[in-house]
Amino acid sequence: MKTLTLKNETIYTGDLILVNRDYRYHEKKQIPLSEIPENHGSVLLHHRAARALSLLMNAVSGWQGIVATSGWRPFSEQQRIWSDSLKENGRHFTETYVAVPGHSEHQTGLAVDLALKQPLIDPIRPHFPYEGICQLFREKAPQFGFIERYPDGRESITGIGHEPWHFRYVGIAHARIITKNRLTLEEYIEQIKAYPFGKRGLSYQGNGRHFTVSYQKASASGTTILETEDNVCCSVSGNNSDGFIITEWKQTEKA
């Protein structure tokens, strides 16, 4: 057996942290950022998200018609965008399309805004239609770990208006489960709590692997100890509130 020792502060790190109006981003250390080299203009993302985005764009020849307009933002930039939008667009528009500073996914480095390449691009609501190259990107996104984060009709759950241009990196297995079941990240994080670690997990099979996803509430002692099988690969993400999401996988016979 392998032993995992998880400190409670790691609740606030990982690909599956939920950052929204209720859960702020807890920035403790510098994010490993990478620039998207193929993009026209400097956009930074967490290195895992940047690599996945480059692979996805290459798979759909996306750089011919798509541009990334925004990735990682420090708190100060989110504050400036919020304040400028309040002055220019009013409170209702701003609260619909701009996250409150400290509660923006862009501060995680895991979110990216994309636009159809054209002469004029709206910096807050870029055009990313449900057709052509943009739709092809959207359809392929889960295969590379991305979800459309703020779908139409789910505003009461996400707290943000419909944003066809905003994509969030969560990892391939999670992106496929979320997309297949038409969930928001909020709903997915909550549903995983029904699958306690060591008892039963949420299963998914794809890419020649069998995945099991489960949840472990953080220990009140400040340190959570988990044991996994030696022949099972494992990754852990905090959920940004009260515990950990454990993703285990094994290679299946057929890829």
Protein backbone atom coordinates (compact mmCIF):
# COMPACT_ATOMS: atom_id res chain seq x y z
CA MET A 1 0.00 0.00 0.00
CA LYS A 2 1.03 3.61 -0.60
CA THR A 3 0.47 6.26 2.05
CA LEU A 4 -0.56 9.82 1.14
CA THR A 5 -0.13 12.53 3.75
CA LEU A 6 -2.25 15.60 2.99
CA LYS A 7 -1.95 18.84 4.90
CA ASN A 8 -5.15 20.84 5.27
CA GLU A 9 -3.69 23.84 3.43
CA THR A 10 -3.66 21.75 0.24
CA ILE A 11 -7.48 21.88 0.27
CA TYR A 12 -6.98 25.14 -1.61
CA THR A 13 -4.81 23.76 -4.42
CA GLY A 14 -5.32 21.48 -7.40
CA ASP A 15 -7.11 21.28 -10.76
CA LEU A 16 -10.55 20.86 -9.18
CA ILE A 17 -10.67 23.75 -6.73
CA LEU A 18 -14.05 25.47 -6.87
CA VAL A 19 -13.70 29.24 -7.04
CA ASN A 20 -16.94 31.20 -7.24
CA ARG A 21 -19.06 33.76 -5.40
CA ASP A 22 -19.11 31.56 -2.27
CA TYR A 23 -15.52 30.28 -2.27
CA ARG A 24 -12.67 32.71 -2.72
CA TYR A 25 -9.28 31.81 -4.12
CA HIS A 26 -6.64 31.31 -1.41
CA GLU A 27 -3.36 32.30 -3.00
CA LYS A 28 -0.56 30.85 -0.90
CA LYS A 29 2.33 30.38 -3.29
CA GLN A 30 3.30 31.31 -6.80
CA ILE A 31 1.53 29.40 -9.55
CA PRO A 32 3.77 27.61 -12.09
CA LEU A 33 2.80 29.67 -15.14
CA SER A 34 3.58 29.18 -18.81
CA GLU A 35 2.96 31.45 -21.77
CA ILE A 36 0.92 30.12 -24.68
CA PRO A 37 3.59 30.49 -27.39
CA GLU A 38 1.29 30.09 -30.40
CA ASN A 39 -1.14 32.78 -29.24
CA HIS A 40 -1.16 36.28 -30.66
CA GLY A 41 -0.52 38.28 -27.49
CA SER A 42 0.86 37.32 -24.11
CA VAL A 43 -1.47 35.06 -22.12
CA LEU A 44 -0.30 33.02 -19.12
CA LEU A 45 -1.87 29.83 -17.73
CA HIS A 46 -0.97 27.22 -15.16
CA HIS A 47 1.59 25.04 -16.94
CA ARG A 48 -0.75 22.01 -17.09
CA ALA A 49 -3.57 24.07 -18.57
CA ALA A 50 -1.22 25.79 -21.02
CA ARG A 51 0.11 22.48 -22.33
CA ALA A 52 -3.40 21.01 -22.62
CA LEU A 53 -4.67 24.09 -24.45
CA SER A 54 -1.79 23.93 -26.93
CA LEU A 55 -2.49 20.25 -27.62
CA LEU A 56 -6.21 20.94 -28.08
CA MET A 57 -5.62 23.88 -30.41
CA ASN A 58 -3.18 21.86 -32.49
CA ALA A 59 -5.71 19.02 -32.76
CA VAL A 60 -8.36 21.32 -34.27
CA SER A 61 -6.01 23.76 -36.06
CA GLY A 62 -7.51 26.32 -33.74
CA TRP A 63 -4.89 29.03 -33.98
CA GLN A 64 -6.04 29.83 -37.51
CA GLY A 65 -9.33 31.23 -36.23
CA ILE A 66 -9.17 31.47 -32.42
CA VAL A 67 -7.23 33.73 -30.08
CA ALA A 68 -6.87 33.51 -26.29
CA THR A 69 -7.77 36.89 -24.83
CA SER A 70 -7.26 36.30 -21.11
CA GLY A 71 -5.71 33.68 -18.84
CA TRP A 72 -4.12 34.09 -15.43
CA ARG A 73 -4.79 37.38 -13.67
CA PRO A 74 -3.38 38.65 -10.40
CA PHE A 75 -5.82 40.06 -7.85
CA SER A 76 -4.83 43.61 -8.83
CA GLU A 77 -5.84 43.08 -12.47
CA GLN A 78 -9.16 41.52 -11.48
CA GLN A 79 -9.78 44.51 -9.21
CA ARG A 80 -9.06 46.91 -12.09
CA ILE A 81 -11.40 45.05 -14.47
CA TRP A 82 -14.14 45.01 -11.83
CA SER A 83 -13.78 48.71 -11.04
CA ASP A 84 -13.59 49.77 -14.71
CA SER A 85 -16.67 47.70 -15.57
CA LEU A 86 -18.65 49.20 -12.70
CA LYS A 87 -17.93 52.68 -14.08
CA GLU A 88 -18.52 51.81 -17.73
CA ASN A 89 -21.28 49.19 -17.59
CA GLY A 90 -23.00 49.48 -14.22
CA ARG A 91 -23.44 47.03 -11.37
CA HIS A 92 -25.90 44.59 -12.97
CA PHE A 93 -23.71 43.94 -16.04
CA THR A 94 -20.57 43.73 -13.93
CA GLU A 95 -22.01 41.26 -11.43
CA THR A 96 -23.27 39.14 -14.33
CA TYR A 97 -20.03 38.90 -16.31
CA VAL A 98 -17.17 39.85 -13.99
CA ALA A 99 -16.21 37.84 -10.89
CA VAL A 100 -15.67 39.73 -7.66
CA PRO A 101 -11.92 40.24 -7.04
CA GLY A 102 -10.65 37.32 -4.99
CA HIS A 103 -13.39 35.06 -6.39
CA SER A 104 -12.25 34.80 -10.01
CA GLU A 105 -11.16 31.56 -11.66
CA HIS A 106 -8.66 33.58 -13.65
CA GLN A 107 -6.59 33.98 -10.48
CA THR A 108 -6.05 30.20 -10.45
CA GLY A 109 -4.39 30.11 -13.88
CA LEU A 110 -6.78 27.29 -14.84
CA ALA A 111 -9.26 29.42 -16.81
CA VAL A 112 -8.97 30.93 -20.27
CA ASP A 113 -11.17 33.26 -22.30
CA LEU A 114 -11.20 32.65 -26.05
CA ALA A 115 -12.45 34.64 -29.02
CA LEU A 116 -13.10 34.15 -32.68
CA LYS A 117 -10.21 35.93 -34.37
CA GLN A 118 -11.47 39.23 -35.78
CA PRO A 119 -10.36 42.89 -35.93
CA LEU A 120 -12.30 44.04 -32.85
CA ILE A 121 -12.68 41.82 -29.77
CA ASP A 122 -14.76 42.71 -26.72
CA PRO A 123 -12.40 42.19 -23.73
CA ILE A 124 -15.23 41.24 -21.35
CA ARG A 125 -17.60 39.37 -23.67
CA PRO A 126 -15.56 38.06 -26.63
CA HIS A 127 -17.45 36.44 -29.49
CA PHE A 128 -17.11 32.63 -29.41
CA PRO A 129 -20.05 31.20 -31.37
CA TYR A 130 -21.60 27.73 -31.38
CA GLU A 131 -20.50 27.07 -34.94
CA GLY A 132 -17.40 26.67 -37.06
CA ILE A 133 -13.96 26.42 -35.49
CA CYS A 134 -15.25 27.63 -32.11
CA GLN A 135 -17.80 24.84 -31.91
CA LEU A 136 -15.22 22.27 -33.01
CA PHE A 137 -12.97 23.48 -30.17
CA ARG A 138 -15.90 23.21 -27.74
CA GLU A 139 -16.73 19.67 -28.80
CA LYS A 140 -13.12 18.49 -28.49
CA ALA A 141 -12.37 20.38 -25.26
CA PRO A 142 -13.31 17.58 -22.80
CA GLN A 143 -10.86 15.22 -24.50
CA PHE A 144 -8.09 17.56 -23.38
CA GLY A 145 -9.44 18.39 -19.91
CA PHE A 146 -11.49 21.56 -20.50
CA ILE A 147 -15.13 22.37 -19.79
CA GLU A 148 -17.30 25.28 -20.81
CA ARG A 149 -17.56 26.70 -17.33
CA TYR A 150 -20.66 28.93 -17.42
CA PRO A 151 -23.38 27.28 -19.55
CA ASP A 152 -26.68 28.88 -20.50
CA GLY A 153 -29.51 28.39 -18.02
CA ARG A 154 -27.26 27.57 -15.06
CA GLU A 155 -26.66 31.13 -13.86
CA SER A 156 -28.39 30.53 -10.54
CA ILE A 157 -25.87 27.78 -9.80
CA THR A 158 -22.64 29.33 -11.07
CA GLY A 159 -23.42 32.92 -10.10
CA ILE A 160 -22.11 34.11 -13.48
CA GLY A 161 -23.98 34.83 -16.73
CA HIS A 162 -23.74 32.59 -19.77
CA GLU A 163 -20.15 32.82 -21.05
CA PRO A 164 -19.55 30.71 -24.19
CA TRP A 165 -15.97 31.98 -24.30
CA HIS A 166 -14.79 30.92 -20.80
CA PHE A 167 -13.20 27.49 -20.44
CA ARG A 168 -11.78 25.85 -17.32
CA TYR A 169 -9.16 23.13 -17.08
CA VAL A 170 -10.17 20.29 -14.71
CA GLY A 171 -8.42 17.24 -16.20
CA ILE A 172 -9.58 14.79 -18.86
CA ALA A 173 -11.60 12.28 -16.81
CA HIS A 174 -13.42 15.02 -14.90
CA ALA A 175 -14.09 17.11 -18.02
CA ARG A 176 -15.63 14.12 -19.77
CA ILE A 177 -17.84 13.20 -16.81
CA ILE A 178 -18.99 16.81 -16.35
CA THR A 179 -19.75 17.29 -20.05
CA LYS A 180 -21.45 13.92 -20.52
CA ASN A 181 -23.77 14.57 -17.58
CA ARG A 182 -24.27 18.28 -18.39
CA LEU A 183 -23.11 19.37 -14.97
CA THR A 184 -21.65 22.60 -13.73
CA LEU A 185 -18.45 22.37 -11.71
CA GLU A 186 -20.49 23.30 -8.63
CA GLU A 187 -22.79 20.32 -9.13
CA TYR A 188 -19.92 17.94 -9.87
CA ILE A 189 -17.95 18.89 -6.76
CA GLU A 190 -21.08 18.35 -4.66
CA GLN A 191 -21.95 15.02 -6.29
CA ILE A 192 -18.48 13.60 -5.65
CA LYS A 193 -19.18 13.83 -1.91
CA ALA A 194 -21.57 10.90 -2.37
CA TYR A 195 -18.54 8.71 -3.20
CA PRO A 196 -16.42 8.39 -0.03
CA PHE A 197 -12.81 7.34 -0.46
CA GLY A 198 -12.14 3.69 0.35
CA LYS A 199 -15.79 2.66 0.02
CA ARG A 200 -17.13 3.36 -3.44
CA GLY A 201 -16.08 5.64 -6.22
CA LEU A 202 -17.51 7.33 -9.27
CA SER A 203 -16.28 5.25 -12.21
CA TYR A 204 -15.30 6.34 -15.68
CA GLN A 205 -13.51 4.47 -18.45
CA GLY A 206 -11.69 6.12 -21.35
CA ASN A 207 -8.31 6.59 -23.03
CA GLY A 208 -7.45 2.99 -22.17
CA ARG A 209 -7.84 3.62 -18.45
CA HIS A 210 -10.38 2.95 -15.73
CA PHE A 211 -10.82 5.94 -13.42
CA THR A 212 -12.34 6.04 -9.95
CA VAL A 213 -13.15 9.40 -8.36
CA SER A 214 -13.91 9.78 -4.66
CA TYR A 215 -14.00 12.30 -1.82
CA GLN A 216 -12.29 12.56 1.54
CA LYS A 217 -13.23 15.16 4.11
CA ALA A 218 -10.19 16.86 5.63
CA SER A 219 -9.26 15.69 9.11
CA ALA A 220 -9.84 18.06 12.00
CA SER A 221 -6.28 17.27 13.13
CA GLY A 222 -4.86 19.25 10.19
CA THR A 223 -3.39 16.21 8.46
CA THR A 224 -5.31 13.60 6.44
CA ILE A 225 -3.76 10.16 5.86
CA LEU A 226 -4.89 8.04 2.90
CA GLU A 227 -3.74 4.64 1.69
CA THR A 228 -3.92 3.51 -1.94
CA GLU A 229 -2.95 0.30 -3.69
CA ASP A 230 0.59 0.04 -5.05
CA ASN A 231 -0.57 -0.77 -8.58
CA VAL A 232 -2.94 2.19 -8.82
CA CYS A 233 -1.95 5.65 -10.07
CA CYS A 234 -3.40 8.49 -8.05
CA SER A 235 -3.79 12.26 -8.08
CA VAL A 236 -5.33 14.49 -5.42
CA SER A 237 -6.93 17.91 -5.65
CA GLY A 238 -8.44 20.05 -2.96
CA ASN A 239 -12.01 21.25 -3.49
CA ASN A 240 -11.32 24.70 -1.98
CA SER A 241 -13.74 24.20 0.88
CA ASP A 242 -13.59 21.13 3.12
CA GLY A 243 -11.73 18.21 1.61
CA PHE A 244 -10.02 16.34 -1.19
CA ILE A 245 -11.00 14.76 -4.49
CA ILE A 246 -9.01 11.60 -5.18
CA THR A 247 -8.66 10.33 -8.75
CA GLU A 248 -7.31 6.78 -9.12
CA TRP A 249 -6.73 4.95 -12.38
CA LYS A 250 -5.53 1.68 -13.82
CA GLN A 251 -4.58 0.76 -17.37
CA THR A 252 -7.22 -1.41 -19.03
CA GLU A 253 -6.41 -4.24 -21.40
CA LYS A 254 -7.55 -2.33 -24.47
CA ALA A 255 -6.51 1.28 -25.08
